[in-house]
Amino acid sequence: MENVKNAIQLLDKVTELNQHYKYLTDHLMHELGLSHSTINLIEFIGEEEMTLKEITKKSRLDKSTVSRQMNALVRKELVTKTTGTDKRFVYFKLNDQANKVYSNYQLKLEEKFKSIVSGWTEEEAHMLTVLLGRLNRSMNNRMN
């Protein structure tokens, strides 16, 4: 019975953490004029040149959603779109502006997070890192 109670308390804390993190990132993205999809797609593509099919598979999003979002990134001049020699394939690659946008977002997020944990000891920060890593691995193992 105690195990169930602990699991419920842990789930409540994870849910609360997720809500705070979402609030923090939502406000930061609004401040920088970005969207979750922009940041997510930049993360998925990284340094690679990818087809729509590859991005869809990696992101686990619907093909039409990815297509619409990628075309929006092309219009915003964050992504370069080129046709392959086969003409059936279109390739997407991040440009320097996308990398700057993403780096700026990461830097601002890091600054905000450092401010949040500024009163913590090294040991507390390390302990949380270890425990979150363990939780992520456990969740990943259960989902696969």
N, C-alpha and C. Protein backbone atom coordinates (compact mmCIF):
# COMPACT_ATOMS: atom_id res chain seq x y z
N MET A 1 0.82 -1.20 0.00
CA MET A 1 0.00 0.00 0.00
C MET A 1 0.87 1.26 0.00
N GLU A 2 1.95 1.23 0.75
CA GLU A 2 2.86 2.38 0.83
C GLU A 2 3.47 2.69 -0.54
N ASN A 3 3.76 1.64 -1.31
CA ASN A 3 4.33 1.81 -2.64
C ASN A 3 3.41 2.60 -3.56
N VAL A 4 2.10 2.30 -3.47
CA VAL A 4 1.11 3.00 -4.28
C VAL A 4 1.05 4.46 -3.88
N LYS A 5 1.07 4.73 -2.60
CA LYS A 5 1.02 6.10 -2.09
C LYS A 5 2.25 6.87 -2.57
N ASN A 6 3.43 6.25 -2.50
CA ASN A 6 4.65 6.89 -2.96
C ASN A 6 4.60 7.17 -4.46
N ALA A 7 4.06 6.22 -5.22
CA ALA A 7 3.96 6.39 -6.67
C ALA A 7 3.04 7.55 -7.01
N ILE A 8 1.94 7.67 -6.29
CA ILE A 8 0.99 8.77 -6.53
C ILE A 8 1.63 10.11 -6.18
N GLN A 9 2.35 10.17 -5.06
CA GLN A 9 3.03 11.41 -4.67
C GLN A 9 4.09 11.79 -5.71
N LEU A 10 4.83 10.79 -6.19
CA LEU A 10 5.86 11.03 -7.19
C LEU A 10 5.23 11.53 -8.49
N LEU A 11 4.15 10.90 -8.89
CA LEU A 11 3.44 11.32 -10.10
C LEU A 11 2.94 12.76 -9.97
N ASP A 12 2.43 13.11 -8.80
CA ASP A 12 1.97 14.48 -8.56
C ASP A 12 3.13 15.47 -8.72
N LYS A 13 4.30 15.13 -8.18
CA LYS A 13 5.46 16.02 -8.26
C LYS A 13 5.98 16.13 -9.69
N VAL A 14 5.97 15.02 -10.43
CA VAL A 14 6.40 15.05 -11.84
C VAL A 14 5.43 15.90 -12.65
N THR A 15 4.15 15.76 -12.39
CA THR A 15 3.13 16.55 -13.08
C THR A 15 3.33 18.04 -12.78
N GLU A 16 3.57 18.36 -11.53
CA GLU A 16 3.80 19.75 -11.14
C GLU A 16 5.05 20.31 -11.81
N LEU A 17 6.13 19.52 -11.82
CA LEU A 17 7.36 19.93 -12.48
C LEU A 17 7.11 20.18 -13.97
N ASN A 18 6.37 19.28 -14.61
CA ASN A 18 6.07 19.43 -16.03
C ASN A 18 5.29 20.72 -16.28
N GLN A 19 4.35 21.05 -15.43
CA GLN A 19 3.56 22.27 -15.59
C GLN A 19 4.44 23.51 -15.45
N HIS A 20 5.34 23.49 -14.46
CA HIS A 20 6.25 24.63 -14.28
C HIS A 20 7.20 24.78 -15.47
N TYR A 21 7.72 23.66 -15.94
CA TYR A 21 8.64 23.70 -17.07
C TYR A 21 7.93 24.20 -18.33
N LYS A 22 6.72 23.74 -18.54
CA LYS A 22 5.94 24.19 -19.70
C LYS A 22 5.66 25.69 -19.61
N TYR A 23 5.31 26.17 -18.43
CA TYR A 23 5.06 27.60 -18.23
C TYR A 23 6.33 28.39 -18.55
N LEU A 24 7.45 27.93 -18.04
CA LEU A 24 8.74 28.60 -18.27
C LEU A 24 9.07 28.64 -19.76
N THR A 25 8.97 27.50 -20.44
CA THR A 25 9.32 27.46 -21.87
C THR A 25 8.30 28.22 -22.72
N ASP A 26 7.03 28.14 -22.37
CA ASP A 26 6.01 28.90 -23.12
C ASP A 26 6.31 30.39 -23.08
N HIS A 27 6.63 30.90 -21.89
CA HIS A 27 6.91 32.33 -21.76
C HIS A 27 8.20 32.72 -22.49
N LEU A 28 9.19 31.87 -22.42
CA LEU A 28 10.44 32.15 -23.11
C LEU A 28 10.22 32.16 -24.62
N MET A 29 9.48 31.18 -25.13
CA MET A 29 9.21 31.13 -26.56
C MET A 29 8.40 32.34 -27.02
N HIS A 30 7.43 32.74 -26.20
CA HIS A 30 6.63 33.92 -26.53
C HIS A 30 7.54 35.15 -26.59
N GLU A 31 8.42 35.26 -25.62
CA GLU A 31 9.37 36.38 -25.54
C GLU A 31 10.26 36.42 -26.79
N LEU A 32 10.65 35.26 -27.29
CA LEU A 32 11.55 35.18 -28.45
C LEU A 32 10.81 35.04 -29.78
N GLY A 33 9.46 34.98 -29.73
CA GLY A 33 8.68 34.85 -30.95
C GLY A 33 8.80 33.49 -31.61
N LEU A 34 8.93 32.45 -30.79
CA LEU A 34 9.09 31.09 -31.31
C LEU A 34 7.88 30.23 -30.94
N SER A 35 7.82 29.05 -31.54
CA SER A 35 6.78 28.08 -31.19
C SER A 35 7.45 26.77 -30.80
N HIS A 36 6.68 25.93 -30.11
CA HIS A 36 7.20 24.61 -29.73
C HIS A 36 7.59 23.82 -30.97
N SER A 37 6.77 23.89 -32.01
CA SER A 37 7.08 23.12 -33.21
C SER A 37 8.38 23.58 -33.85
N THR A 38 8.65 24.88 -33.85
CA THR A 38 9.90 25.39 -34.40
C THR A 38 11.08 24.81 -33.64
N ILE A 39 11.05 24.89 -32.34
CA ILE A 39 12.15 24.38 -31.51
C ILE A 39 12.29 22.87 -31.68
N ASN A 40 11.17 22.15 -31.64
CA ASN A 40 11.22 20.69 -31.78
C ASN A 40 11.81 20.26 -33.11
N LEU A 41 11.37 20.89 -34.19
CA LEU A 41 11.89 20.51 -35.51
C LEU A 41 13.36 20.86 -35.66
N ILE A 42 13.77 21.98 -35.11
CA ILE A 42 15.20 22.33 -35.15
C ILE A 42 16.00 21.27 -34.40
N GLU A 43 15.49 20.82 -33.25
CA GLU A 43 16.17 19.76 -32.49
C GLU A 43 16.22 18.45 -33.28
N PHE A 44 15.12 18.08 -33.92
CA PHE A 44 15.06 16.82 -34.67
C PHE A 44 16.04 16.83 -35.85
N ILE A 45 16.09 17.94 -36.56
CA ILE A 45 16.93 18.00 -37.76
C ILE A 45 18.41 18.12 -37.39
N GLY A 46 18.71 18.98 -36.43
CA GLY A 46 20.09 19.15 -36.02
C GLY A 46 20.99 19.51 -37.18
N GLU A 47 22.10 18.82 -37.31
CA GLU A 47 23.07 19.10 -38.37
C GLU A 47 22.80 18.32 -39.65
N GLU A 48 21.77 17.49 -39.64
CA GLU A 48 21.50 16.60 -40.76
C GLU A 48 20.72 17.30 -41.87
N GLU A 49 20.79 16.71 -43.05
CA GLU A 49 19.90 17.07 -44.15
C GLU A 49 18.91 15.92 -44.22
N MET A 50 17.62 16.22 -44.10
CA MET A 50 16.63 15.16 -43.97
C MET A 50 15.48 15.33 -44.93
N THR A 51 14.88 14.21 -45.30
CA THR A 51 13.66 14.24 -46.10
C THR A 51 12.47 14.39 -45.17
N LEU A 52 11.33 14.70 -45.75
CA LEU A 52 10.11 14.82 -44.97
C LEU A 52 9.79 13.50 -44.27
N LYS A 53 10.00 12.41 -44.96
CA LYS A 53 9.75 11.09 -44.39
C LYS A 53 10.64 10.83 -43.18
N GLU A 54 11.91 11.20 -43.27
CA GLU A 54 12.84 11.01 -42.15
C GLU A 54 12.45 11.87 -40.95
N ILE A 55 12.07 13.10 -41.21
CA ILE A 55 11.65 14.00 -40.12
C ILE A 55 10.38 13.46 -39.47
N THR A 56 9.44 13.00 -40.29
CA THR A 56 8.18 12.44 -39.78
C THR A 56 8.46 11.24 -38.88
N LYS A 57 9.33 10.36 -39.33
CA LYS A 57 9.66 9.16 -38.55
C LYS A 57 10.34 9.53 -37.24
N LYS A 58 11.32 10.42 -37.32
CA LYS A 58 12.08 10.81 -36.14
C LYS A 58 11.22 11.57 -35.12
N SER A 59 10.34 12.42 -35.62
CA SER A 59 9.52 13.26 -34.73
C SER A 59 8.27 12.56 -34.24
N ARG A 60 7.88 11.48 -34.91
CA ARG A 60 6.65 10.75 -34.59
C ARG A 60 5.40 11.61 -34.75
N LEU A 61 5.49 12.57 -35.68
CA LEU A 61 4.35 13.43 -35.98
C LEU A 61 3.73 13.01 -37.31
N ASP A 62 2.51 13.44 -37.53
CA ASP A 62 1.80 13.16 -38.76
C ASP A 62 2.51 13.85 -39.94
N LYS A 63 2.53 13.19 -41.09
CA LYS A 63 3.23 13.71 -42.27
C LYS A 63 2.71 15.08 -42.68
N SER A 64 1.40 15.28 -42.67
CA SER A 64 0.83 16.57 -43.08
C SER A 64 1.22 17.68 -42.10
N THR A 65 1.28 17.34 -40.83
CA THR A 65 1.70 18.31 -39.81
C THR A 65 3.15 18.72 -40.04
N VAL A 66 4.01 17.73 -40.24
CA VAL A 66 5.43 18.02 -40.47
C VAL A 66 5.61 18.84 -41.73
N SER A 67 4.90 18.47 -42.78
CA SER A 67 4.99 19.19 -44.05
C SER A 67 4.62 20.66 -43.88
N ARG A 68 3.51 20.90 -43.21
CA ARG A 68 3.05 22.27 -42.97
C ARG A 68 4.06 23.05 -42.14
N GLN A 69 4.58 22.42 -41.09
CA GLN A 69 5.53 23.10 -40.22
C GLN A 69 6.87 23.35 -40.92
N MET A 70 7.31 22.40 -41.72
CA MET A 70 8.57 22.58 -42.44
C MET A 70 8.44 23.70 -43.47
N ASN A 71 7.32 23.77 -44.15
CA ASN A 71 7.11 24.86 -45.11
C ASN A 71 7.06 26.21 -44.41
N ALA A 72 6.52 26.23 -43.20
CA ALA A 72 6.53 27.48 -42.41
C ALA A 72 7.96 27.88 -42.05
N LEU A 73 8.80 26.90 -41.72
CA LEU A 73 10.21 27.20 -41.40
C LEU A 73 10.96 27.68 -42.64
N VAL A 74 10.60 27.16 -43.79
CA VAL A 74 11.20 27.62 -45.05
C VAL A 74 10.81 29.08 -45.28
N ARG A 75 9.52 29.41 -45.08
CA ARG A 75 9.05 30.79 -45.26
C ARG A 75 9.73 31.75 -44.27
N LYS A 76 10.00 31.26 -43.07
CA LYS A 76 10.69 32.08 -42.06
C LYS A 76 12.19 32.15 -42.30
N GLU A 77 12.63 31.47 -43.36
CA GLU A 77 14.04 31.43 -43.75
C GLU A 77 14.94 30.83 -42.66
N LEU A 78 14.42 29.80 -42.00
CA LEU A 78 15.21 29.07 -41.02
C LEU A 78 15.71 27.74 -41.58
N VAL A 79 15.06 27.29 -42.66
CA VAL A 79 15.39 26.00 -43.26
C VAL A 79 15.54 26.17 -44.76
N THR A 80 16.51 25.46 -45.31
CA THR A 80 16.71 25.44 -46.76
C THR A 80 16.07 24.17 -47.30
N LYS A 81 15.29 24.33 -48.36
CA LYS A 81 14.59 23.21 -48.99
C LYS A 81 15.18 23.01 -50.38
N THR A 82 15.69 21.80 -50.63
CA THR A 82 16.26 21.50 -51.95
C THR A 82 15.68 20.21 -52.49
N THR A 83 15.59 20.14 -53.79
CA THR A 83 15.10 18.94 -54.45
C THR A 83 16.29 18.06 -54.78
N GLY A 84 16.14 16.76 -54.51
CA GLY A 84 17.21 15.82 -54.80
C GLY A 84 17.30 15.52 -56.27
N THR A 85 18.32 14.78 -56.65
CA THR A 85 18.49 14.40 -58.06
C THR A 85 17.33 13.54 -58.54
N ASP A 86 16.69 12.85 -57.62
CA ASP A 86 15.56 11.98 -57.93
C ASP A 86 14.25 12.75 -58.11
N LYS A 87 14.20 13.99 -57.76
CA LYS A 87 13.02 14.87 -57.85
C LYS A 87 11.84 14.41 -57.00
N ARG A 88 11.82 13.14 -56.60
CA ARG A 88 10.74 12.68 -55.72
C ARG A 88 11.04 13.06 -54.27
N PHE A 89 12.29 13.38 -54.00
CA PHE A 89 12.71 13.67 -52.64
C PHE A 89 13.07 15.14 -52.49
N VAL A 90 12.58 15.71 -51.41
CA VAL A 90 12.92 17.07 -51.05
C VAL A 90 13.70 16.98 -49.74
N TYR A 91 14.78 17.73 -49.66
CA TYR A 91 15.63 17.70 -48.48
C TYR A 91 15.55 19.03 -47.74
N PHE A 92 15.55 18.91 -46.42
CA PHE A 92 15.50 20.08 -45.55
C PHE A 92 16.78 20.14 -44.73
N LYS A 93 17.33 21.32 -44.61
CA LYS A 93 18.54 21.51 -43.80
C LYS A 93 18.43 22.85 -43.09
N LEU A 94 18.83 22.86 -41.83
CA LEU A 94 18.83 24.11 -41.07
C LEU A 94 19.88 25.05 -41.64
N ASN A 95 19.59 26.34 -41.61
CA ASN A 95 20.60 27.31 -42.01
C ASN A 95 21.18 27.98 -40.77
N ASP A 96 22.10 28.89 -40.98
CA ASP A 96 22.77 29.56 -39.86
C ASP A 96 21.80 30.31 -38.96
N GLN A 97 20.77 30.90 -39.56
CA GLN A 97 19.78 31.64 -38.77
C GLN A 97 19.05 30.71 -37.80
N ALA A 98 18.69 29.51 -38.26
CA ALA A 98 18.02 28.54 -37.38
C ALA A 98 18.94 28.16 -36.22
N ASN A 99 20.21 27.96 -36.51
CA ASN A 99 21.16 27.62 -35.46
C ASN A 99 21.31 28.76 -34.45
N LYS A 100 21.28 30.00 -34.93
CA LYS A 100 21.36 31.16 -34.03
C LYS A 100 20.11 31.25 -33.15
N VAL A 101 18.96 31.04 -33.76
CA VAL A 101 17.68 31.08 -33.03
C VAL A 101 17.69 30.03 -31.94
N TYR A 102 18.11 28.81 -32.30
CA TYR A 102 18.12 27.71 -31.33
C TYR A 102 19.15 27.96 -30.22
N SER A 103 20.33 28.44 -30.58
CA SER A 103 21.37 28.73 -29.58
C SER A 103 20.89 29.80 -28.61
N ASN A 104 20.23 30.82 -29.14
CA ASN A 104 19.71 31.89 -28.29
C ASN A 104 18.65 31.35 -27.34
N TYR A 105 17.76 30.50 -27.85
CA TYR A 105 16.74 29.88 -27.01
C TYR A 105 17.39 29.06 -25.89
N GLN A 106 18.34 28.22 -26.25
CA GLN A 106 19.03 27.37 -25.27
C GLN A 106 19.74 28.22 -24.22
N LEU A 107 20.41 29.28 -24.64
CA LEU A 107 21.13 30.16 -23.72
C LEU A 107 20.17 30.82 -22.74
N LYS A 108 19.07 31.34 -23.24
CA LYS A 108 18.08 31.99 -22.36
C LYS A 108 17.45 30.98 -21.40
N LEU A 109 17.16 29.78 -21.89
CA LEU A 109 16.59 28.74 -21.04
C LEU A 109 17.57 28.35 -19.94
N GLU A 110 18.84 28.22 -20.30
CA GLU A 110 19.88 27.90 -19.32
C GLU A 110 19.98 28.98 -18.26
N GLU A 111 19.96 30.24 -18.69
CA GLU A 111 20.04 31.37 -17.75
C GLU A 111 18.87 31.34 -16.76
N LYS A 112 17.67 31.10 -17.28
CA LYS A 112 16.50 31.06 -16.41
C LYS A 112 16.61 29.88 -15.42
N PHE A 113 17.08 28.75 -15.91
CA PHE A 113 17.17 27.58 -15.06
C PHE A 113 18.26 27.74 -14.00
N LYS A 114 19.37 28.36 -14.38
CA LYS A 114 20.44 28.62 -13.41
C LYS A 114 19.92 29.53 -12.30
N SER A 115 19.10 30.48 -12.68
CA SER A 115 18.51 31.38 -11.69
C SER A 115 17.60 30.62 -10.73
N ILE A 116 16.86 29.66 -11.26
CA ILE A 116 15.93 28.88 -10.44
C ILE A 116 16.68 28.04 -9.40
N VAL A 117 17.80 27.44 -9.79
CA VAL A 117 18.53 26.55 -8.89
C VAL A 117 19.74 27.23 -8.24
N SER A 118 19.78 28.56 -8.28
CA SER A 118 20.94 29.29 -7.79
C SER A 118 21.23 29.05 -6.30
N GLY A 119 20.23 28.76 -5.50
CA GLY A 119 20.44 28.54 -4.08
C GLY A 119 20.77 27.10 -3.71
N TRP A 120 20.88 26.23 -4.70
CA TRP A 120 21.12 24.82 -4.45
C TRP A 120 22.61 24.54 -4.28
N THR A 121 22.89 23.50 -3.50
CA THR A 121 24.28 23.04 -3.39
C THR A 121 24.60 22.16 -4.61
N GLU A 122 25.90 21.94 -4.84
CA GLU A 122 26.33 21.04 -5.92
C GLU A 122 25.73 19.66 -5.72
N GLU A 123 25.73 19.22 -4.46
CA GLU A 123 25.22 17.88 -4.14
C GLU A 123 23.74 17.75 -4.48
N GLU A 124 22.95 18.78 -4.16
CA GLU A 124 21.52 18.74 -4.47
C GLU A 124 21.29 18.70 -5.98
N ALA A 125 22.01 19.52 -6.71
CA ALA A 125 21.87 19.54 -8.17
C ALA A 125 22.29 18.20 -8.77
N HIS A 126 23.38 17.64 -8.27
CA HIS A 126 23.85 16.34 -8.76
C HIS A 126 22.83 15.24 -8.45
N MET A 127 22.28 15.26 -7.24
CA MET A 127 21.31 14.26 -6.83
C MET A 127 20.07 14.31 -7.74
N LEU A 128 19.58 15.51 -8.02
CA LEU A 128 18.42 15.64 -8.88
C LEU A 128 18.74 15.14 -10.29
N THR A 129 19.92 15.47 -10.79
CA THR A 129 20.34 15.00 -12.11
C THR A 129 20.35 13.48 -12.18
N VAL A 130 20.91 12.85 -11.16
CA VAL A 130 20.97 11.38 -11.11
C VAL A 130 19.57 10.78 -11.05
N LEU A 131 18.73 11.33 -10.19
CA LEU A 131 17.38 10.79 -10.03
C LEU A 131 16.52 10.99 -11.28
N LEU A 132 16.64 12.16 -11.92
CA LEU A 132 15.89 12.38 -13.15
C LEU A 132 16.39 11.47 -14.27
N GLY A 133 17.68 11.23 -14.31
CA GLY A 133 18.24 10.30 -15.28
C GLY A 133 17.69 8.90 -15.06
N ARG A 134 17.63 8.50 -13.81
CA ARG A 134 17.09 7.17 -13.48
C ARG A 134 15.61 7.07 -13.86
N LEU A 135 14.84 8.12 -13.56
CA LEU A 135 13.43 8.14 -13.90
C LEU A 135 13.25 8.07 -15.42
N ASN A 136 14.04 8.84 -16.16
CA ASN A 136 13.95 8.81 -17.63
C ASN A 136 14.27 7.43 -18.19
N ARG A 137 15.31 6.78 -17.66
CA ARG A 137 15.67 5.43 -18.12
C ARG A 137 14.56 4.43 -17.81
N SER A 138 14.00 4.53 -16.61
CA SER A 138 12.91 3.62 -16.22
C SER A 138 11.69 3.81 -17.12
N MET A 139 11.35 5.08 -17.40
CA MET A 139 10.21 5.35 -18.25
C MET A 139 10.49 4.84 -19.67
N ASN A 140 11.69 5.07 -20.15
CA ASN A 140 12.07 4.62 -21.49
C ASN A 140 11.99 3.10 -21.59
N ASN A 141 12.47 2.41 -20.57
CA ASN A 141 12.44 0.94 -20.57
C ASN A 141 11.01 0.41 -20.57
N ARG A 142 10.12 1.08 -19.87
CA ARG A 142 8.71 0.65 -19.80
C ARG A 142 7.97 0.90 -21.10
N MET A 143 8.38 1.95 -21.82
CA MET A 143 7.70 2.30 -23.05
C MET A 143 8.18 1.46 -24.23
N ASN A 144 9.35 0.86 -24.13
CA ASN A 144 9.89 0.05 -25.23
C ASN A 144 9.60 -1.41 -25.06
